[in-house]
N, C-alpha and C. Protein backbone atom coordinates (compact mmCIF):
# COMPACT_ATOMS: atom_id res chain seq x y z
N MET A 1 -18.33 -10.12 12.21
CA MET A 1 -18.14 -10.81 11.09
C MET A 1 -17.08 -10.11 10.26
N GLU A 2 -16.12 -10.83 9.71
CA GLU A 2 -15.03 -10.17 8.91
C GLU A 2 -15.54 -10.04 7.45
N LYS A 3 -15.15 -9.01 6.94
CA LYS A 3 -15.58 -8.42 5.54
C LYS A 3 -14.37 -8.48 4.69
N PHE A 4 -14.47 -8.54 3.41
CA PHE A 4 -13.30 -8.54 2.54
C PHE A 4 -13.48 -7.61 1.28
N ILE A 5 -12.31 -7.05 0.94
CA ILE A 5 -12.22 -6.28 -0.30
C ILE A 5 -11.03 -6.96 -1.11
N ILE A 6 -11.37 -7.20 -2.32
CA ILE A 6 -10.24 -7.61 -3.20
C ILE A 6 -9.80 -6.30 -4.04
N PHE A 7 -8.50 -5.89 -3.91
CA PHE A 7 -8.08 -4.69 -4.69
C PHE A 7 -6.84 -5.22 -5.55
N GLU A 8 -7.02 -4.96 -6.80
CA GLU A 8 -5.86 -5.22 -7.81
C GLU A 8 -5.95 -4.02 -8.69
N GLY A 9 -4.77 -3.29 -8.72
CA GLY A 9 -4.81 -2.28 -9.73
C GLY A 9 -3.80 -1.09 -9.29
N HIS A 10 -3.83 -0.10 -10.20
CA HIS A 10 -3.11 1.02 -10.13
C HIS A 10 -3.65 2.03 -9.13
N ILE A 11 -2.74 2.77 -8.39
CA ILE A 11 -3.18 3.65 -7.46
C ILE A 11 -3.36 5.06 -8.16
N ASP A 12 -4.58 5.50 -8.35
CA ASP A 12 -4.82 6.80 -8.94
C ASP A 12 -6.18 7.21 -8.38
N GLN A 13 -6.61 8.34 -8.72
CA GLN A 13 -7.81 8.95 -8.10
C GLN A 13 -9.06 8.09 -8.21
N GLN A 14 -9.25 7.52 -9.39
CA GLN A 14 -10.48 6.59 -9.57
C GLN A 14 -10.36 5.45 -8.66
N ALA A 15 -9.15 4.73 -8.68
CA ALA A 15 -9.11 3.53 -7.80
C ALA A 15 -9.20 3.92 -6.29
N THR A 16 -8.53 5.04 -5.92
CA THR A 16 -8.72 5.45 -4.52
C THR A 16 -10.15 5.70 -4.12
N GLN A 17 -10.97 6.29 -4.99
CA GLN A 17 -12.34 6.59 -4.73
C GLN A 17 -13.07 5.23 -4.61
N ARG A 18 -12.77 4.33 -5.55
CA ARG A 18 -13.46 3.07 -5.43
C ARG A 18 -13.16 2.29 -4.08
N LEU A 19 -11.88 2.36 -3.76
CA LEU A 19 -11.57 1.68 -2.40
C LEU A 19 -12.00 2.30 -1.28
N VAL A 20 -12.15 3.63 -1.23
CA VAL A 20 -12.76 4.40 -0.07
C VAL A 20 -14.17 4.14 -0.15
N ASN A 21 -14.89 4.12 -1.16
CA ASN A 21 -16.32 3.78 -1.19
C ASN A 21 -16.56 2.27 -0.65
N ALA A 22 -15.67 1.41 -1.15
CA ALA A 22 -15.91 -0.06 -0.61
C ALA A 22 -15.70 -0.08 0.88
N ILE A 23 -14.67 0.63 1.49
CA ILE A 23 -14.54 0.68 2.84
C ILE A 23 -15.62 1.25 3.59
N ASN A 24 -16.14 2.40 3.10
CA ASN A 24 -17.31 3.12 3.65
C ASN A 24 -18.63 2.18 3.56
N ASN A 25 -18.81 1.48 2.44
CA ASN A 25 -19.99 0.63 2.25
C ASN A 25 -19.93 -0.44 3.23
N LEU A 26 -18.84 -1.10 3.49
CA LEU A 26 -18.68 -2.22 4.42
C LEU A 26 -18.78 -1.80 5.88
N THR A 27 -18.35 -0.56 6.07
CA THR A 27 -18.46 0.06 7.48
C THR A 27 -20.00 0.35 7.79
N ILE A 28 -20.63 0.84 6.84
CA ILE A 28 -22.07 1.16 6.99
C ILE A 28 -22.96 -0.06 7.14
N GLN A 29 -22.65 -1.13 6.35
CA GLN A 29 -23.37 -2.37 6.38
C GLN A 29 -23.47 -3.00 7.69
N GLN A 30 -22.34 -3.13 8.36
CA GLN A 30 -22.16 -3.64 9.59
C GLN A 30 -21.01 -2.91 10.42
N PRO A 31 -21.43 -1.90 11.16
CA PRO A 31 -20.44 -1.00 11.87
C PRO A 31 -19.85 -1.64 13.01
N THR A 32 -20.37 -2.91 13.38
CA THR A 32 -19.70 -3.56 14.54
C THR A 32 -18.89 -4.69 14.15
N SER A 33 -18.65 -4.76 12.81
CA SER A 33 -17.75 -5.80 12.31
C SER A 33 -16.43 -5.99 12.99
N SER A 34 -15.82 -7.05 13.11
CA SER A 34 -14.59 -7.30 13.66
C SER A 34 -13.41 -6.65 12.92
N LYS A 35 -13.50 -6.82 11.51
CA LYS A 35 -12.51 -6.07 10.73
C LYS A 35 -12.88 -6.30 9.31
N ILE A 36 -12.10 -5.48 8.46
CA ILE A 36 -12.14 -5.53 7.07
C ILE A 36 -10.74 -6.06 6.62
N THR A 37 -10.65 -6.99 5.77
CA THR A 37 -9.39 -7.52 5.23
C THR A 37 -9.42 -7.19 3.74
N ILE A 38 -8.30 -6.47 3.30
CA ILE A 38 -8.09 -6.10 1.88
C ILE A 38 -7.12 -7.09 1.43
N PHE A 39 -7.53 -7.82 0.34
CA PHE A 39 -6.56 -8.70 -0.41
C PHE A 39 -6.13 -7.69 -1.45
N PHE A 40 -4.70 -7.45 -1.36
CA PHE A 40 -4.13 -6.24 -2.03
C PHE A 40 -2.95 -6.56 -2.90
N SER A 41 -3.01 -6.00 -4.16
CA SER A 41 -1.92 -6.08 -5.06
C SER A 41 -1.92 -4.85 -5.97
N SER A 42 -0.72 -4.19 -6.04
CA SER A 42 -0.70 -3.04 -6.88
C SER A 42 0.75 -2.75 -7.27
N LEU A 43 0.80 -2.27 -8.54
CA LEU A 43 2.15 -1.91 -8.97
C LEU A 43 2.42 -0.41 -8.79
N GLY A 44 1.65 0.23 -7.95
CA GLY A 44 1.83 1.59 -7.53
C GLY A 44 1.10 2.65 -8.24
N GLY A 45 1.57 3.93 -8.21
CA GLY A 45 0.80 5.00 -8.87
C GLY A 45 1.12 6.28 -8.15
N SER A 46 -0.04 7.02 -7.86
CA SER A 46 0.10 8.43 -7.32
C SER A 46 0.48 8.32 -5.87
N ILE A 47 1.51 9.10 -5.59
CA ILE A 47 2.03 9.27 -4.20
C ILE A 47 0.91 10.01 -3.33
N TYR A 48 0.43 11.02 -3.87
CA TYR A 48 -0.67 11.69 -3.16
C TYR A 48 -1.82 10.78 -2.77
N GLU A 49 -2.30 10.01 -3.76
CA GLU A 49 -3.38 9.01 -3.47
C GLU A 49 -2.88 7.94 -2.56
N GLY A 50 -1.73 7.51 -2.65
CA GLY A 50 -1.22 6.47 -1.73
C GLY A 50 -1.27 6.84 -0.34
N PHE A 51 -0.77 8.06 -0.02
CA PHE A 51 -0.85 8.62 1.39
C PHE A 51 -2.11 8.93 1.84
N LEU A 52 -3.04 9.38 0.90
CA LEU A 52 -4.40 9.50 1.29
C LEU A 52 -5.09 8.16 1.72
N LEU A 53 -4.81 7.10 0.98
CA LEU A 53 -5.41 5.87 1.39
C LEU A 53 -4.82 5.33 2.64
N ALA A 54 -3.53 5.56 2.95
CA ALA A 54 -2.88 5.13 4.14
C ALA A 54 -3.48 5.85 5.32
N THR A 55 -3.79 7.14 5.21
CA THR A 55 -4.46 7.85 6.25
C THR A 55 -5.96 7.21 6.56
N ILE A 56 -6.61 6.98 5.53
CA ILE A 56 -7.98 6.44 5.64
C ILE A 56 -7.93 5.06 6.27
N ILE A 57 -7.03 4.25 5.90
CA ILE A 57 -6.84 2.88 6.47
C ILE A 57 -6.40 3.00 7.98
N GLN A 58 -5.48 3.92 8.35
CA GLN A 58 -5.06 3.99 9.67
C GLN A 58 -6.14 4.56 10.60
N ASN A 59 -7.09 5.28 10.01
CA ASN A 59 -8.10 5.99 10.79
C ASN A 59 -9.57 5.32 10.67
N SER A 60 -9.55 4.27 10.10
CA SER A 60 -10.94 3.57 9.90
C SER A 60 -11.57 3.22 11.17
N ARG A 61 -12.90 3.34 11.20
CA ARG A 61 -13.65 2.98 12.47
C ARG A 61 -13.66 1.45 12.68
N ILE A 62 -13.48 0.72 11.60
CA ILE A 62 -13.29 -0.71 11.76
C ILE A 62 -11.88 -1.01 11.40
N PRO A 63 -11.17 -1.86 12.20
CA PRO A 63 -9.74 -2.22 11.87
C PRO A 63 -9.73 -2.77 10.41
N ILE A 64 -8.65 -2.43 9.79
CA ILE A 64 -8.40 -2.85 8.49
C ILE A 64 -7.11 -3.68 8.47
N ALA A 65 -7.13 -4.90 7.96
CA ALA A 65 -5.97 -5.73 7.82
C ALA A 65 -5.61 -5.76 6.34
N ILE A 66 -4.40 -5.91 6.00
CA ILE A 66 -4.10 -6.05 4.39
C ILE A 66 -3.33 -7.35 4.26
N HIS A 67 -3.84 -8.11 3.27
CA HIS A 67 -3.16 -9.31 2.78
C HIS A 67 -2.48 -9.18 1.45
N ALA A 68 -1.16 -9.17 1.37
CA ALA A 68 -0.52 -9.06 0.00
C ALA A 68 -0.70 -10.33 -0.76
N THR A 69 -1.31 -10.22 -1.96
CA THR A 69 -1.54 -11.32 -2.74
C THR A 69 -0.57 -11.56 -3.95
N ASN A 70 0.21 -10.52 -4.31
CA ASN A 70 0.99 -10.53 -5.48
C ASN A 70 2.12 -9.47 -5.36
N HIS A 71 1.94 -8.34 -6.09
CA HIS A 71 2.90 -7.26 -6.14
C HIS A 71 2.55 -6.17 -5.15
N ILE A 72 3.41 -5.79 -4.35
CA ILE A 72 3.29 -4.53 -3.52
C ILE A 72 4.48 -3.60 -4.03
N ASP A 73 4.28 -2.71 -4.95
CA ASP A 73 5.23 -1.99 -5.53
C ASP A 73 5.13 -0.53 -5.34
N SER A 74 6.20 0.15 -5.19
CA SER A 74 6.17 1.70 -5.13
C SER A 74 5.29 2.16 -4.06
N ILE A 75 4.33 3.13 -4.31
CA ILE A 75 3.56 3.70 -3.29
C ILE A 75 2.63 2.72 -2.58
N ALA A 76 2.36 1.55 -3.16
CA ALA A 76 1.66 0.44 -2.56
C ALA A 76 2.18 -0.05 -1.30
N ASN A 77 3.61 0.15 -1.13
CA ASN A 77 4.23 -0.18 0.12
C ASN A 77 3.75 0.63 1.25
N VAL A 78 3.47 2.01 1.06
CA VAL A 78 2.91 2.79 2.04
C VAL A 78 1.51 2.43 2.48
N ILE A 79 0.69 2.08 1.51
CA ILE A 79 -0.71 1.62 1.68
C ILE A 79 -0.64 0.32 2.59
N TYR A 80 0.17 -0.61 2.09
CA TYR A 80 0.32 -1.88 2.79
C TYR A 80 0.74 -1.64 4.24
N LEU A 81 1.77 -0.87 4.46
CA LEU A 81 2.30 -0.70 5.76
C LEU A 81 1.40 0.20 6.74
N SER A 82 0.27 0.88 6.12
CA SER A 82 -0.60 1.59 6.93
C SER A 82 -1.58 0.69 7.84
N ALA A 83 -1.61 -0.60 7.46
CA ALA A 83 -2.39 -1.47 8.24
C ALA A 83 -1.57 -2.02 9.37
N LYS A 84 -2.17 -2.20 10.56
CA LYS A 84 -1.40 -2.84 11.66
C LYS A 84 -1.23 -4.30 11.53
N GLU A 85 -2.25 -4.91 10.93
CA GLU A 85 -2.17 -6.44 10.73
C GLU A 85 -1.91 -6.58 9.24
N ARG A 86 -0.66 -7.16 8.99
CA ARG A 86 -0.21 -7.25 7.64
C ARG A 86 0.22 -8.76 7.39
N THR A 87 -0.49 -9.34 6.44
CA THR A 87 -0.04 -10.75 6.11
C THR A 87 0.24 -10.82 4.63
N ALA A 88 0.81 -11.88 4.14
CA ALA A 88 1.26 -12.04 2.74
C ALA A 88 1.25 -13.51 2.35
N GLU A 89 0.95 -13.69 1.02
CA GLU A 89 1.14 -14.99 0.49
C GLU A 89 2.66 -15.33 0.35
N SER A 90 3.11 -16.50 0.28
CA SER A 90 4.53 -16.87 0.24
C SER A 90 5.16 -16.27 -1.05
N HIS A 91 4.43 -16.18 -2.11
CA HIS A 91 4.95 -15.73 -3.44
C HIS A 91 4.84 -14.18 -3.61
N ALA A 92 4.27 -13.54 -2.68
CA ALA A 92 4.19 -11.95 -2.77
C ALA A 92 5.59 -11.37 -2.88
N LYS A 93 5.70 -10.17 -3.47
CA LYS A 93 7.03 -9.51 -3.62
C LYS A 93 6.78 -8.07 -3.27
N PHE A 94 7.68 -7.34 -2.87
CA PHE A 94 7.77 -5.97 -2.43
C PHE A 94 8.82 -5.24 -3.13
N TYR A 95 8.50 -4.13 -3.84
CA TYR A 95 9.48 -3.30 -4.59
C TYR A 95 9.50 -1.93 -4.09
N LEU A 96 10.67 -1.51 -3.81
CA LEU A 96 10.74 0.01 -3.47
C LEU A 96 11.71 0.72 -4.44
N HIS A 97 11.35 1.91 -4.84
CA HIS A 97 12.19 2.67 -5.71
C HIS A 97 11.88 4.12 -5.38
N GLY A 98 12.78 4.99 -5.99
CA GLY A 98 12.57 6.41 -5.78
C GLY A 98 11.39 6.99 -6.68
N ALA A 99 10.93 8.10 -6.27
CA ALA A 99 9.87 8.88 -7.00
C ALA A 99 10.47 9.20 -8.35
N ALA A 100 9.52 9.57 -9.30
CA ALA A 100 9.93 10.03 -10.65
C ALA A 100 8.89 11.19 -11.02
N THR A 101 9.29 11.70 -12.10
CA THR A 101 8.51 12.78 -12.75
C THR A 101 8.45 12.75 -14.29
N GLN A 102 7.52 13.26 -14.90
CA GLN A 102 7.44 13.21 -16.32
C GLN A 102 7.18 14.68 -16.80
N GLY A 103 7.55 14.90 -18.08
CA GLY A 103 7.28 16.18 -18.61
C GLY A 103 8.42 17.03 -19.15
N ASN A 104 8.20 18.17 -19.83
CA ASN A 104 9.20 19.04 -20.30
C ASN A 104 9.36 20.17 -19.36
N PHE A 105 10.47 20.53 -18.91
CA PHE A 105 10.68 21.56 -17.92
C PHE A 105 11.74 22.64 -18.40
N ASP A 106 11.45 23.93 -17.94
CA ASP A 106 12.47 24.91 -17.97
C ASP A 106 13.36 24.69 -16.76
N GLU A 107 14.38 25.49 -16.67
CA GLU A 107 15.27 25.36 -15.55
C GLU A 107 14.55 25.42 -14.14
N LYS A 108 13.75 26.44 -14.03
CA LYS A 108 12.99 26.72 -12.76
C LYS A 108 12.14 25.48 -12.47
N SER A 109 11.34 25.11 -13.50
CA SER A 109 10.41 23.90 -13.19
C SER A 109 11.15 22.68 -12.89
N LEU A 110 12.31 22.47 -13.48
CA LEU A 110 13.10 21.32 -13.34
C LEU A 110 13.69 21.25 -11.79
N LYS A 111 14.05 22.49 -11.29
CA LYS A 111 14.49 22.65 -9.83
C LYS A 111 13.35 22.23 -8.91
N GLU A 112 12.14 22.72 -9.23
CA GLU A 112 10.88 22.47 -8.45
C GLU A 112 10.59 20.99 -8.51
N GLN A 113 10.67 20.33 -9.65
CA GLN A 113 10.43 18.90 -9.77
C GLN A 113 11.46 18.08 -8.93
N LEU A 114 12.72 18.53 -8.98
CA LEU A 114 13.71 17.87 -8.22
C LEU A 114 13.54 18.00 -6.76
N SER A 115 13.09 19.10 -6.24
CA SER A 115 12.85 19.34 -4.92
C SER A 115 11.55 18.49 -4.52
N SER A 116 10.64 18.31 -5.32
CA SER A 116 9.41 17.63 -5.08
C SER A 116 9.78 16.16 -4.97
N ILE A 117 10.69 15.61 -5.91
CA ILE A 117 11.05 14.16 -5.92
C ILE A 117 11.79 13.90 -4.58
N LYS A 118 12.72 14.80 -4.20
CA LYS A 118 13.51 14.53 -3.00
C LYS A 118 12.59 14.51 -1.79
N THR A 119 11.53 15.41 -1.75
CA THR A 119 10.60 15.45 -0.57
C THR A 119 9.82 14.15 -0.59
N ASN A 120 9.30 13.81 -1.73
CA ASN A 120 8.51 12.58 -1.79
C ASN A 120 9.38 11.25 -1.41
N ASN A 121 10.60 11.21 -1.86
CA ASN A 121 11.42 10.12 -1.46
C ASN A 121 11.58 10.06 -0.01
N SER A 122 11.80 11.17 0.66
CA SER A 122 11.97 11.21 2.19
C SER A 122 10.65 10.80 2.87
N ARG A 123 9.54 11.33 2.35
CA ARG A 123 8.28 10.97 3.01
C ARG A 123 8.08 9.36 2.91
N ILE A 124 8.29 8.81 1.83
CA ILE A 124 8.16 7.42 1.60
C ILE A 124 9.07 6.66 2.58
N ALA A 125 10.40 7.10 2.58
CA ALA A 125 11.44 6.39 3.33
C ALA A 125 10.99 6.44 4.79
N TYR A 126 10.70 7.66 5.30
CA TYR A 126 10.24 7.78 6.73
C TYR A 126 9.16 6.85 7.08
N PHE A 127 8.11 6.87 6.18
CA PHE A 127 6.83 6.01 6.51
C PHE A 127 7.22 4.58 6.57
N VAL A 128 8.02 4.05 5.56
CA VAL A 128 8.47 2.66 5.51
C VAL A 128 9.26 2.37 6.76
N SER A 129 10.25 3.15 7.09
CA SER A 129 11.08 2.89 8.16
C SER A 129 10.34 3.03 9.57
N GLU A 130 9.29 3.87 9.69
CA GLU A 130 8.58 4.04 10.94
C GLU A 130 7.62 2.87 11.12
N ASN A 131 7.27 2.09 10.08
CA ASN A 131 6.37 0.93 10.13
C ASN A 131 6.97 -0.37 9.72
N SER A 132 8.22 -0.38 9.87
CA SER A 132 8.98 -1.66 9.70
C SER A 132 10.26 -1.73 10.64
N LYS A 133 11.02 -2.72 10.49
CA LYS A 133 12.24 -2.76 11.20
C LYS A 133 13.38 -2.17 10.44
N LEU A 134 13.20 -1.68 9.24
CA LEU A 134 14.21 -1.11 8.43
C LEU A 134 14.58 0.28 8.86
N THR A 135 15.89 0.69 8.86
CA THR A 135 16.18 2.04 9.20
C THR A 135 15.93 2.90 8.04
N PHE A 136 15.86 4.23 8.29
CA PHE A 136 15.59 5.28 7.29
C PHE A 136 16.68 5.22 6.23
N LYS A 137 17.92 5.10 6.64
CA LYS A 137 19.12 5.01 5.71
C LYS A 137 18.95 3.78 4.76
N ARG A 138 18.55 2.70 5.35
CA ARG A 138 18.43 1.35 4.63
C ARG A 138 17.31 1.49 3.57
N VAL A 139 16.12 2.13 4.02
CA VAL A 139 15.03 2.29 3.06
C VAL A 139 15.46 3.23 1.91
N GLN A 140 16.21 4.34 2.28
CA GLN A 140 16.60 5.27 1.24
C GLN A 140 17.58 4.54 0.23
N SER A 141 18.55 3.68 0.73
CA SER A 141 19.32 2.89 -0.17
C SER A 141 18.58 2.04 -1.03
N MET A 142 17.55 1.25 -0.39
CA MET A 142 16.77 0.40 -1.31
C MET A 142 16.02 1.15 -2.40
N MET A 143 15.49 2.28 -2.05
CA MET A 143 14.79 3.07 -3.01
C MET A 143 15.72 3.55 -4.11
N GLU A 144 16.95 3.97 -3.76
CA GLU A 144 17.93 4.55 -4.71
C GLU A 144 18.28 3.45 -5.68
N ASN A 145 18.46 2.16 -5.24
CA ASN A 145 18.80 1.12 -6.00
C ASN A 145 17.66 0.44 -6.81
N GLY A 146 16.42 0.64 -6.34
CA GLY A 146 15.32 -0.07 -6.89
C GLY A 146 15.41 -1.51 -6.50
N THR A 147 14.92 -1.72 -5.23
CA THR A 147 15.11 -3.10 -4.56
C THR A 147 13.81 -3.84 -4.49
N THR A 148 13.86 -5.18 -4.96
CA THR A 148 12.76 -6.07 -4.79
C THR A 148 13.13 -7.14 -3.72
N ILE A 149 12.16 -7.28 -2.75
CA ILE A 149 12.42 -8.28 -1.81
C ILE A 149 11.20 -9.35 -1.77
N SER A 150 11.53 -10.53 -1.31
CA SER A 150 10.45 -11.59 -1.23
C SER A 150 9.64 -11.31 0.03
N ALA A 151 8.62 -12.09 0.10
CA ALA A 151 7.71 -12.04 1.24
C ALA A 151 8.48 -12.46 2.50
N GLN A 152 9.46 -13.42 2.20
CA GLN A 152 10.17 -13.99 3.38
C GLN A 152 11.19 -12.90 3.91
N ASP A 153 11.75 -12.18 3.07
CA ASP A 153 12.66 -11.08 3.44
C ASP A 153 11.89 -9.91 4.06
N ALA A 154 10.59 -9.74 3.62
CA ALA A 154 9.78 -8.70 4.13
C ALA A 154 9.42 -9.05 5.49
N LEU A 155 9.24 -10.35 5.77
CA LEU A 155 8.84 -10.85 7.13
C LEU A 155 9.99 -10.51 8.06
N LYS A 156 11.18 -10.77 7.66
CA LYS A 156 12.41 -10.57 8.52
C LYS A 156 12.58 -9.06 8.84
N SER A 157 12.12 -8.23 7.90
CA SER A 157 12.21 -6.77 8.11
C SER A 157 11.00 -6.22 8.71
N LYS A 158 10.08 -7.07 9.13
CA LYS A 158 8.81 -6.60 9.80
C LYS A 158 7.89 -5.80 8.89
N ILE A 159 8.09 -5.81 7.60
CA ILE A 159 7.15 -5.17 6.61
C ILE A 159 5.85 -6.16 6.78
N VAL A 160 6.10 -7.43 6.78
CA VAL A 160 5.03 -8.44 6.86
C VAL A 160 4.95 -8.94 8.22
N ASN A 161 3.79 -9.16 8.81
CA ASN A 161 3.66 -9.79 10.20
C ASN A 161 3.63 -11.19 10.09
N GLN A 162 3.05 -11.83 9.03
CA GLN A 162 2.91 -13.29 8.94
C GLN A 162 2.78 -13.64 7.47
N ILE A 163 3.39 -14.77 7.09
CA ILE A 163 3.15 -15.31 5.77
C ILE A 163 2.27 -16.42 5.91
N ILE A 164 1.04 -16.29 5.21
CA ILE A 164 -0.04 -17.27 5.38
C ILE A 164 -0.83 -17.33 4.12
N HIS A 165 -1.28 -18.45 3.75
CA HIS A 165 -2.20 -18.52 2.54
C HIS A 165 -3.58 -18.27 3.11
N LYS A 166 -4.29 -17.31 2.48
CA LYS A 166 -5.62 -16.93 2.89
C LYS A 166 -6.49 -17.09 1.67
N GLU A 167 -7.82 -17.57 2.03
CA GLU A 167 -8.95 -17.56 1.21
C GLU A 167 -10.11 -16.98 1.73
N ILE A 168 -10.86 -16.32 0.97
CA ILE A 168 -12.07 -15.73 1.36
C ILE A 168 -13.20 -16.73 1.54
N PRO A 169 -13.82 -16.87 2.71
CA PRO A 169 -14.92 -17.84 2.75
C PRO A 169 -16.06 -17.48 1.84
N VAL A 170 -16.68 -18.60 1.31
CA VAL A 170 -17.63 -18.46 0.23
C VAL A 170 -18.80 -17.50 0.60
N ASN A 171 -19.21 -17.72 1.87
CA ASN A 171 -20.40 -16.84 2.26
C ASN A 171 -20.01 -15.48 2.92
N ALA A 172 -18.77 -15.07 2.70
CA ALA A 172 -18.36 -13.81 3.36
C ALA A 172 -18.87 -12.62 2.51
N ILE A 173 -19.01 -11.50 3.24
CA ILE A 173 -19.40 -10.20 2.55
C ILE A 173 -18.09 -9.71 1.92
N ARG A 174 -18.17 -9.44 0.52
CA ARG A 174 -16.96 -9.01 -0.06
C ARG A 174 -17.25 -8.02 -1.25
N GLU A 175 -16.28 -7.27 -1.58
CA GLU A 175 -16.41 -6.34 -2.71
C GLU A 175 -15.07 -6.46 -3.48
N GLU A 176 -15.27 -6.43 -4.70
CA GLU A 176 -14.07 -6.67 -5.72
C GLU A 176 -13.86 -5.38 -6.56
N ILE A 177 -12.48 -4.94 -6.39
CA ILE A 177 -12.12 -3.82 -7.16
C ILE A 177 -10.91 -4.21 -7.99
N ILE A 178 -11.27 -4.63 -9.14
CA ILE A 178 -10.09 -5.10 -10.11
C ILE A 178 -10.02 -3.95 -11.09
N TYR A 179 -8.92 -3.18 -10.98
CA TYR A 179 -8.77 -1.96 -11.66
C TYR A 179 -7.42 -1.99 -12.35
N VAL A 180 -7.44 -2.35 -13.51
CA VAL A 180 -6.06 -2.43 -14.31
C VAL A 180 -6.00 -1.28 -15.26
N ASN A 181 -5.05 -0.39 -15.14
CA ASN A 181 -4.85 0.78 -15.86
C ASN A 181 -3.85 0.50 -17.00
């Protein structure tokens, strides 16, 4: 039996914990389930938490599919691409941009932050290119320019495997995580 999670929100420690708990709960309830499908939309958030969720999704005991329902922005692209089965609504959009930082820095701290941003940009670009048809250089360019693409263009780039309208069956096992920060 397929199980569903609806996730809408910012990627931070609290949202990550809620999503991990939901995955664990559904895995425990029916460990022989065919799969879990996450109906997913996020404007992004923490790079650390995004890569953590990607690792959990890739290594789940039950296969996890992700269905893009609206925005897949920033680090949410890494989470989305961590699923082998990726579908999207026709109106979904995907936004890639470079990493950023905030704060007041002295010269040493500024250099450290710049190094961290460059490293995070490379990590994200490699992950996206390794899990799509886009080259590393193309992803880097998209991130530098802050690029938004439609679900149709994401399908051409193999970010999305299929564009399809999905609805959760009324009697399905589901958990909702609506977390707007």
